[in-house]
C-alpha cells in the first residue's frame, strides 16, 4: 500500500493487498535447469529444504 501512496499519490485499502496476495500465490515459474539440479542433488544424497522470505499465505 505504501507503493501506491509514494509512487502514485493514491491511497488504497487493505483489500488491494489481500487481492494481490491471492494472485501472488497462484503464480510460479521454475528457473531453467532447476528441476534437473534438484533431482541430481537428490541422487547424490543431499538433504533438501525450502526457505522463503515470503508470507505463509502465499
Protein backbone atom coordinates (compact mmCIF):
# COMPACT_ATOMS: atom_id res chain seq x y z
CA UNK A 1 0.00 0.00 0.00
CA UNK A 2 2.95 2.30 0.61
CA UNK A 3 4.00 1.95 -3.04
CA UNK A 4 0.73 3.42 -4.30
CA UNK A 5 0.94 6.36 -1.93
CA UNK A 6 4.62 7.14 -2.57
CA UNK A 7 4.75 6.47 -6.30
CA UNK A 8 1.24 7.29 -7.49
CA UNK A 9 -0.11 9.59 -4.80
CA UNK A 10 -3.03 7.19 -4.33
CA UNK A 11 -4.35 5.70 -1.12
CA UNK A 12 -5.73 2.18 -1.35
CA UNK A 13 -7.40 -0.02 1.23
CA UNK A 14 -6.25 -3.36 2.66
CA UNK A 15 -8.47 -5.20 0.18
CA UNK A 16 -5.94 -4.39 -2.56
CA UNK A 17 -3.20 -6.05 -0.50
CA UNK A 18 -5.36 -9.14 0.03
CA UNK A 19 -6.18 -9.39 -3.67
CA UNK A 20 -2.50 -9.08 -4.58
CA UNK A 21 -1.56 -11.86 -2.15
CA UNK A 22 -4.29 -14.03 -3.63
CA UNK A 23 -2.85 -13.66 -7.12
CA UNK A 24 0.75 -13.98 -5.91
CA UNK A 25 0.06 -17.44 -4.53
CA UNK A 26 -1.13 -18.71 -7.93
CA UNK A 27 1.93 -17.71 -9.95
CA UNK A 28 5.20 -19.59 -10.21
CA UNK A 29 7.86 -20.36 -12.75
CA UNK A 30 10.90 -22.57 -12.27
CA UNK A 31 14.26 -21.27 -13.34
CA UNK A 32 15.78 -23.16 -16.29
CA UNK A 33 17.59 -26.26 -15.02
CA UNK A 34 16.12 -26.05 -11.51
CA UNK A 35 14.33 -29.41 -11.60
CA UNK A 36 17.35 -31.22 -13.06
CA UNK A 37 19.59 -29.73 -10.36
CA UNK A 38 17.20 -30.80 -7.58
CA UNK A 39 16.95 -34.34 -8.95
CA UNK A 40 20.75 -34.58 -9.18
CA UNK A 41 21.11 -33.34 -5.60
CA UNK A 42 18.61 -35.99 -4.51
CA UNK A 43 20.52 -38.73 -6.35
CA UNK A 44 23.71 -37.60 -4.62
CA UNK A 45 22.02 -37.93 -1.23
CA UNK A 46 21.71 -34.28 -0.27
CA UNK A 47 19.01 -33.40 2.24
CA UNK A 48 16.98 -30.58 0.77
CA UNK A 49 14.83 -27.97 2.49
CA UNK A 50 12.86 -24.92 1.49
CA UNK A 51 13.49 -21.48 2.95
CA UNK A 52 11.49 -18.42 1.95
CA UNK A 53 11.15 -14.79 2.89
CA UNK A 54 7.54 -14.90 1.72
CA UNK A 55 4.40 -14.93 3.83
CA UNK A 56 2.68 -18.17 4.92
CA UNK A 57 -0.48 -17.38 2.93
CA UNK A 58 1.47 -17.41 -0.32
